[in-house]
Structure formats: C-alpha cells, structure tokens
Amino acid sequence: MALTLMAQLQATEVVPLTESIAYLAADVSLRHGLAMADAIVYATAQDHQVEVVTGDADLKDLPGVAYVR
C-alpha cells in the first residue's frame, strides 16, 4: 500500500491556479452549487482534460468524475 501511494505521489503534477481556471471554477460553483474548493478541483481537471477521481460525494454526479468510496 505504501509503495503504491509513493508511486502515485511521484506521478502527481501540481498545476497553478490560472485566471481562466478561476473563472471556470466560479461558473461551475454557481451552476452546480459547489463549494469553491470543490469547483476549483473540478475546473482544473476540466481545463487539463483529465478525470477527477474522488471520494467527495458533492462531485459524484458531474461528468468526468470517478467517484470512489
């Protein structure tokens, strides 16, 4: 388990919060009633055309989200 987590951390890329992602996050927050932190995560994934894998139930019904419990 620890080795798997370390491998995932090494493959993780930290991306900056750009102005365009911030505007998209604000729109997503208003459209879907999400907290801004959740909207930033979702908007960042949409901007980078990647799937969100999360255990956050607030995101589970959005397109491009893989919900895990």
PDB file of N, CA and C in Angstrom:
ATOM      1  N   MET A   1       0.823  -1.186   0.000  1.00  0.00           N
ATOM      2  CA  MET A   1       0.000   0.000   0.000  1.00  0.00           C
ATOM      3  C   MET A   1       0.870   1.254   0.000  1.00  0.00           C
ATOM      4  N   ALA A   2       1.873   1.297   0.870  1.00  0.00           N
ATOM      5  CA  ALA A   2       2.736   2.480   0.965  1.00  0.00           C
ATOM      6  C   ALA A   2       3.477   2.701  -0.344  1.00  0.00           C
ATOM      7  N   LEU A   3       3.932   1.640  -0.981  1.00  0.00           N
ATOM      8  CA  LEU A   3       4.643   1.787  -2.258  1.00  0.00           C
ATOM      9  C   LEU A   3       3.725   2.312  -3.355  1.00  0.00           C
ATOM     10  N   THR A   4       2.489   1.868  -3.342  1.00  0.00           N
ATOM     11  CA  THR A   4       1.512   2.350  -4.320  1.00  0.00           C
ATOM     12  C   THR A   4       1.264   3.845  -4.132  1.00  0.00           C
ATOM     13  N   LEU A   5       1.117   4.257  -2.880  1.00  0.00           N
ATOM     14  CA  LEU A   5       0.899   5.675  -2.594  1.00  0.00           C
ATOM     15  C   LEU A   5       2.104   6.513  -3.000  1.00  0.00           C
ATOM     16  N   MET A   6       3.293   6.030  -2.739  1.00  0.00           N
ATOM     17  CA  MET A   6       4.507   6.760  -3.126  1.00  0.00           C
ATOM     18  C   MET A   6       4.589   6.891  -4.645  1.00  0.00           C
ATOM     19  N   ALA A   7       4.240   5.842  -5.359  1.00  0.00           N
ATOM     20  CA  ALA A   7       4.262   5.891  -6.821  1.00  0.00           C
ATOM     21  C   ALA A   7       3.267   6.921  -7.342  1.00  0.00           C
ATOM     22  N   GLN A   8       2.101   6.976  -6.729  1.00  0.00           N
ATOM     23  CA  GLN A   8       1.094   7.958  -7.137  1.00  0.00           C
ATOM     24  C   GLN A   8       1.562   9.380  -6.856  1.00  0.00           C
ATOM     25  N   LEU A   9       2.172   9.591  -5.707  1.00  0.00           N
ATOM     26  CA  LEU A   9       2.675  10.924  -5.373  1.00  0.00           C
ATOM     27  C   LEU A   9       3.742  11.378  -6.353  1.00  0.00           C
ATOM     28  N   GLN A  10       4.600  10.478  -6.768  1.00  0.00           N
ATOM     29  CA  GLN A  10       5.654  10.831  -7.720  1.00  0.00           C
ATOM     30  C   GLN A  10       5.089  11.133  -9.095  1.00  0.00           C
ATOM     31  N   ALA A  11       3.944  10.580  -9.420  1.00  0.00           N
ATOM     32  CA  ALA A  11       3.317  10.805 -10.722  1.00  0.00           C
ATOM     33  C   ALA A  11       2.389  12.016 -10.705  1.00  0.00           C
ATOM     34  N   THR A  12       2.217  12.626  -9.543  1.00  0.00           N
ATOM     35  CA  THR A  12       1.300  13.752  -9.403  1.00  0.00           C
ATOM     36  C   THR A  12       1.953  15.036  -9.894  1.00  0.00           C
ATOM     37  N   GLU A  13       1.184  15.825 -10.608  1.00  0.00           N
ATOM     38  CA  GLU A  13       1.664  17.111 -11.103  1.00  0.00           C
ATOM     39  C   GLU A  13       0.863  18.226 -10.425  1.00  0.00           C
ATOM     40  N   VAL A  14       1.550  19.160  -9.834  1.00  0.00           N
ATOM     41  CA  VAL A  14       0.897  20.323  -9.231  1.00  0.00           C
ATOM     42  C   VAL A  14       0.797  21.392 -10.310  1.00  0.00           C
ATOM     43  N   VAL A  15      -0.408  21.906 -10.516  1.00  0.00           N
ATOM     44  CA  VAL A  15      -0.621  22.915 -11.555  1.00  0.00           C
ATOM     45  C   VAL A  15      -1.072  24.222 -10.917  1.00  0.00           C
ATOM     46  N   PRO A  16      -0.699  25.340 -11.521  1.00  0.00           N
ATOM     47  CA  PRO A  16      -1.091  26.633 -10.938  1.00  0.00           C
ATOM     48  C   PRO A  16      -2.580  26.924 -11.160  1.00  0.00           C
ATOM     49  N   LEU A  17      -3.125  27.721 -10.276  1.00  0.00           N
ATOM     50  CA  LEU A  17      -4.499  28.203 -10.437  1.00  0.00           C
ATOM     51  C   LEU A  17      -4.427  29.442 -11.323  1.00  0.00           C
ATOM     52  N   THR A  18      -4.789  29.265 -12.569  1.00  0.00           N
ATOM     53  CA  THR A  18      -4.734  30.367 -13.520  1.00  0.00           C
ATOM     54  C   THR A  18      -6.017  31.186 -13.460  1.00  0.00           C
ATOM     55  N   GLU A  19      -5.979  32.334 -14.081  1.00  0.00           N
ATOM     56  CA  GLU A  19      -7.163  33.181 -14.121  1.00  0.00           C
ATOM     57  C   GLU A  19      -8.311  32.482 -14.837  1.00  0.00           C
ATOM     58  N   SER A  20      -8.007  31.771 -15.922  1.00  0.00           N
ATOM     59  CA  SER A  20      -9.075  31.088 -16.668  1.00  0.00           C
ATOM     60  C   SER A  20      -9.689  29.952 -15.858  1.00  0.00           C
ATOM     61  N   ILE A  21      -8.871  29.237 -15.086  1.00  0.00           N
ATOM     62  CA  ILE A  21      -9.406  28.179 -14.221  1.00  0.00           C
ATOM     63  C   ILE A  21     -10.250  28.792 -13.118  1.00  0.00           C
ATOM     64  N   ALA A  22      -9.833  29.928 -12.572  1.00  0.00           N
ATOM     65  CA  ALA A  22     -10.601  30.598 -11.520  1.00  0.00           C
ATOM     66  C   ALA A  22     -11.974  31.022 -12.032  1.00  0.00           C
ATOM     67  N   TYR A  23     -12.022  31.581 -13.252  1.00  0.00           N
ATOM     68  CA  TYR A  23     -13.313  31.967 -13.826  1.00  0.00           C
ATOM     69  C   TYR A  23     -14.190  30.746 -14.085  1.00  0.00           C
ATOM     70  N   LEU A  24     -13.585  29.684 -14.602  1.00  0.00           N
ATOM     71  CA  LEU A  24     -14.336  28.453 -14.839  1.00  0.00           C
ATOM     72  C   LEU A  24     -14.850  27.887 -13.515  1.00  0.00           C
ATOM     73  N   ALA A  25     -14.034  27.935 -12.477  1.00  0.00           N
ATOM     74  CA  ALA A  25     -14.442  27.437 -11.158  1.00  0.00           C
ATOM     75  C   ALA A  25     -15.617  28.238 -10.607  1.00  0.00           C
ATOM     76  N   ALA A  26     -15.583  29.539 -10.796  1.00  0.00           N
ATOM     77  CA  ALA A  26     -16.699  30.374 -10.324  1.00  0.00           C
ATOM     78  C   ALA A  26     -17.987  29.989 -11.037  1.00  0.00           C
ATOM     79  N   ASP A  27     -17.882  29.765 -12.340  1.00  0.00           N
ATOM     80  CA  ASP A  27     -19.055  29.350 -13.121  1.00  0.00           C
ATOM     81  C   ASP A  27     -19.567  27.992 -12.666  1.00  0.00           C
ATOM     82  N   VAL A  28     -18.654  27.047 -12.496  1.00  0.00           N
ATOM     83  CA  VAL A  28     -19.018  25.698 -12.045  1.00  0.00           C
ATOM     84  C   VAL A  28     -19.658  25.755 -10.660  1.00  0.00           C
ATOM     85  N   SER A  29     -19.102  26.570  -9.779  1.00  0.00           N
ATOM     86  CA  SER A  29     -19.636  26.704  -8.431  1.00  0.00           C
ATOM     87  C   SER A  29     -21.085  27.197  -8.451  1.00  0.00           C
ATOM     88  N   LEU A  30     -21.337  28.192  -9.279  1.00  0.00           N
ATOM     89  CA  LEU A  30     -22.698  28.731  -9.372  1.00  0.00           C
ATOM     90  C   LEU A  30     -23.662  27.760 -10.043  1.00  0.00           C
ATOM     91  N   ARG A  31     -23.213  27.120 -11.122  1.00  0.00           N
ATOM     92  CA  ARG A  31     -24.084  26.206 -11.869  1.00  0.00           C
ATOM     93  C   ARG A  31     -24.464  24.961 -11.083  1.00  0.00           C
ATOM     94  N   HIS A  32     -23.496  24.437 -10.306  1.00  0.00           N
ATOM     95  CA  HIS A  32     -23.713  23.153  -9.631  1.00  0.00           C
ATOM     96  C   HIS A  32     -23.841  23.286  -8.116  1.00  0.00           C
ATOM     97  N   GLY A  33     -23.791  24.500  -7.603  1.00  0.00           N
ATOM     98  CA  GLY A  33     -23.924  24.706  -6.164  1.00  0.00           C
ATOM     99  C   GLY A  33     -22.784  24.107  -5.360  1.00  0.00           C
ATOM    100  N   LEU A  34     -21.578  24.133  -5.927  1.00  0.00           N
ATOM    101  CA  LEU A  34     -20.420  23.549  -5.256  1.00  0.00           C
ATOM    102  C   LEU A  34     -19.687  24.590  -4.418  1.00  0.00           C
ATOM    103  N   ALA A  35     -19.043  24.122  -3.354  1.00  0.00           N
ATOM    104  CA  ALA A  35     -18.116  24.970  -2.615  1.00  0.00           C
ATOM    105  C   ALA A  35     -16.985  25.343  -3.561  1.00  0.00           C
ATOM    106  N   MET A  36     -16.381  26.510  -3.358  1.00  0.00           N
ATOM    107  CA  MET A  36     -15.341  26.968  -4.278  1.00  0.00           C
ATOM    108  C   MET A  36     -14.165  25.998  -4.355  1.00  0.00           C
ATOM    109  N   ALA A  37     -13.762  25.400  -3.250  1.00  0.00           N
ATOM    110  CA  ALA A  37     -12.650  24.448  -3.284  1.00  0.00           C
ATOM    111  C   ALA A  37     -12.967  23.270  -4.210  1.00  0.00           C
ATOM    112  N   ASP A  38     -14.169  22.730  -4.112  1.00  0.00           N
ATOM    113  CA  ASP A  38     -14.581  21.632  -4.992  1.00  0.00           C
ATOM    114  C   ASP A  38     -14.633  22.098  -6.442  1.00  0.00           C
ATOM    115  N   ALA A  39     -15.130  23.299  -6.654  1.00  0.00           N
ATOM    116  CA  ALA A  39     -15.232  23.837  -8.011  1.00  0.00           C
ATOM    117  C   ALA A  39     -13.851  24.045  -8.622  1.00  0.00           C
ATOM    118  N   ILE A  40     -12.875  24.449  -7.821  1.00  0.00           N
ATOM    119  CA  ILE A  40     -11.508  24.632  -8.328  1.00  0.00           C
ATOM    120  C   ILE A  40     -10.920  23.293  -8.752  1.00  0.00           C
ATOM    121  N   VAL A  41     -11.111  22.278  -7.948  1.00  0.00           N
ATOM    122  CA  VAL A  41     -10.621  20.940  -8.302  1.00  0.00           C
ATOM    123  C   VAL A  41     -11.253  20.484  -9.616  1.00  0.00           C
ATOM    124  N   TYR A  42     -12.558  20.618  -9.705  1.00  0.00           N
ATOM    125  CA  TYR A  42     -13.272  20.171 -10.907  1.00  0.00           C
ATOM    126  C   TYR A  42     -12.867  20.991 -12.130  1.00  0.00           C
ATOM    127  N   ALA A  43     -12.808  22.309 -11.987  1.00  0.00           N
ATOM    128  CA  ALA A  43     -12.446  23.174 -13.111  1.00  0.00           C
ATOM    129  C   ALA A  43     -11.022  22.914 -13.581  1.00  0.00           C
ATOM    130  N   THR A  44     -10.121  22.652 -12.649  1.00  0.00           N
ATOM    131  CA  THR A  44      -8.738  22.352 -13.014  1.00  0.00           C
ATOM    132  C   THR A  44      -8.675  21.075 -13.843  1.00  0.00           C
ATOM    133  N   ALA A  45      -9.411  20.064 -13.430  1.00  0.00           N
ATOM    134  CA  ALA A  45      -9.450  18.809 -14.184  1.00  0.00           C
ATOM    135  C   ALA A  45     -10.044  19.027 -15.568  1.00  0.00           C
ATOM    136  N   GLN A  46     -11.110  19.796 -15.643  1.00  0.00           N
ATOM    137  CA  GLN A  46     -11.725  20.081 -16.942  1.00  0.00           C
ATOM    138  C   GLN A  46     -10.750  20.825 -17.844  1.00  0.00           C
ATOM    139  N   ASP A  47     -10.038  21.797 -17.292  1.00  0.00           N
ATOM    140  CA  ASP A  47      -9.078  22.579 -18.066  1.00  0.00           C
ATOM    141  C   ASP A  47      -7.950  21.711 -18.614  1.00  0.00           C
ATOM    142  N   HIS A  48      -7.556  20.712 -17.849  1.00  0.00           N
ATOM    143  CA  HIS A  48      -6.459  19.824 -18.257  1.00  0.00           C
ATOM    144  C   HIS A  48      -6.951  18.546 -18.934  1.00  0.00           C
ATOM    145  N   GLN A  49      -8.261  18.466 -19.123  1.00  0.00           N
ATOM    146  CA  GLN A  49      -8.896  17.336 -19.800  1.00  0.00           C
ATOM    147  C   GLN A  49      -8.517  15.991 -19.174  1.00  0.00           C
ATOM    148  N   VAL A  50      -8.650  15.957 -17.833  1.00  0.00           N
ATOM    149  CA  VAL A  50      -8.396  14.719 -17.090  1.00  0.00           C
ATOM    150  C   VAL A  50      -9.599  14.418 -16.208  1.00  0.00           C
ATOM    151  N   GLU A  51      -9.692  13.183 -15.780  1.00  0.00           N
ATOM    152  CA  GLU A  51     -10.784  12.741 -14.923  1.00  0.00           C
ATOM    153  C   GLU A  51     -10.470  13.059 -13.462  1.00  0.00           C
ATOM    154  N   VAL A  52     -11.486  13.428 -12.711  1.00  0.00           N
ATOM    155  CA  VAL A  52     -11.351  13.600 -11.260  1.00  0.00           C
ATOM    156  C   VAL A  52     -11.702  12.266 -10.610  1.00  0.00           C
ATOM    157  N   VAL A  53     -10.807  11.754  -9.790  1.00  0.00           N
ATOM    158  CA  VAL A  53     -11.079  10.552  -9.005  1.00  0.00           C
ATOM    159  C   VAL A  53     -11.192  11.026  -7.564  1.00  0.00           C
ATOM    160  N   THR A  54     -12.373  10.845  -6.975  1.00  0.00           N
ATOM    161  CA  THR A  54     -12.622  11.427  -5.663  1.00  0.00           C
ATOM    162  C   THR A  54     -13.595  10.603  -4.838  1.00  0.00           C
ATOM    163  N   GLY A  55     -13.524  10.810  -3.562  1.00  0.00           N
ATOM    164  CA  GLY A  55     -14.500  10.245  -2.635  1.00  0.00           C
ATOM    165  C   GLY A  55     -15.469  11.316  -2.163  1.00  0.00           C
ATOM    166  N   ASP A  56     -15.399  12.488  -2.768  1.00  0.00           N
ATOM    167  CA  ASP A  56     -16.257  13.616  -2.405  1.00  0.00           C
ATOM    168  C   ASP A  56     -17.623  13.463  -3.070  1.00  0.00           C
ATOM    169  N   ALA A  57     -18.627  13.213  -2.261  1.00  0.00           N
ATOM    170  CA  ALA A  57     -19.974  12.975  -2.783  1.00  0.00           C
ATOM    171  C   ALA A  57     -20.545  14.194  -3.498  1.00  0.00           C
ATOM    172  N   ASP A  58     -20.047  15.378  -3.200  1.00  0.00           N
ATOM    173  CA  ASP A  58     -20.543  16.584  -3.864  1.00  0.00           C
ATOM    174  C   ASP A  58     -20.210  16.602  -5.356  1.00  0.00           C
ATOM    175  N   LEU A  59     -19.185  15.850  -5.755  1.00  0.00           N
ATOM    176  CA  LEU A  59     -18.750  15.831  -7.156  1.00  0.00           C
ATOM    177  C   LEU A  59     -19.232  14.604  -7.930  1.00  0.00           C
ATOM    178  N   LYS A  60     -19.793  13.637  -7.236  1.00  0.00           N
ATOM    179  CA  LYS A  60     -20.021  12.318  -7.825  1.00  0.00           C
ATOM    180  C   LYS A  60     -20.904  12.282  -9.071  1.00  0.00           C
ATOM    181  N   ASP A  61     -21.829  13.212  -9.234  1.00  0.00           N
ATOM    182  CA  ASP A  61     -22.737  13.161 -10.376  1.00  0.00           C
ATOM    183  C   ASP A  61     -22.302  14.033 -11.561  1.00  0.00           C
ATOM    184  N   LEU A  62     -21.145  14.651 -11.458  1.00  0.00           N
ATOM    185  CA  LEU A  62     -20.670  15.508 -12.542  1.00  0.00           C
ATOM    186  C   LEU A  62     -19.964  14.686 -13.614  1.00  0.00           C
ATOM    187  N   PRO A  63     -20.078  15.097 -14.870  1.00  0.00           N
ATOM    188  CA  PRO A  63     -19.364  14.381 -15.930  1.00  0.00           C
ATOM    189  C   PRO A  63     -17.858  14.502 -15.729  1.00  0.00           C
ATOM    190  N   GLY A  64     -17.139  13.436 -16.022  1.00  0.00           N
ATOM    191  CA  GLY A  64     -15.694  13.454 -15.891  1.00  0.00           C
ATOM    192  C   GLY A  64     -15.218  13.185 -14.474  1.00  0.00           C
ATOM    193  N   VAL A  65     -16.110  12.644 -13.641  1.00  0.00           N
ATOM    194  CA  VAL A  65     -15.752  12.335 -12.250  1.00  0.00           C
ATOM    195  C   VAL A  65     -15.941  10.840 -12.002  1.00  0.00           C
ATOM    196  N   ALA A  66     -14.897  10.223 -11.451  1.00  0.00           N
ATOM    197  CA  ALA A  66     -14.982   8.833 -10.996  1.00  0.00           C
ATOM    198  C   ALA A  66     -15.093   8.883  -9.475  1.00  0.00           C
ATOM    199  N   TYR A  67     -16.246   8.481  -8.976  1.00  0.00           N
ATOM    200  CA  TYR A  67     -16.500   8.511  -7.532  1.00  0.00           C
ATOM    201  C   TYR A  67     -16.150   7.174  -6.912  1.00  0.00           C
ATOM    202  N   VAL A  68     -15.315   7.217  -5.883  1.00  0.00           N
ATOM    203  CA  VAL A  68     -14.935   6.013  -5.156  1.00  0.00           C
ATOM    204  C   VAL A  68     -15.253   6.203  -3.680  1.00  0.00           C
ATOM    205  N   ARG A  69     -15.655   5.106  -3.043  1.00  0.00           N
ATOM    206  CA  ARG A  69     -15.938   5.177  -1.602  1.00  0.00           C
ATOM    207  C   ARG A  69     -14.982   4.318  -0.858  1.00  0.00           C
TER     208      ARG A  69
END
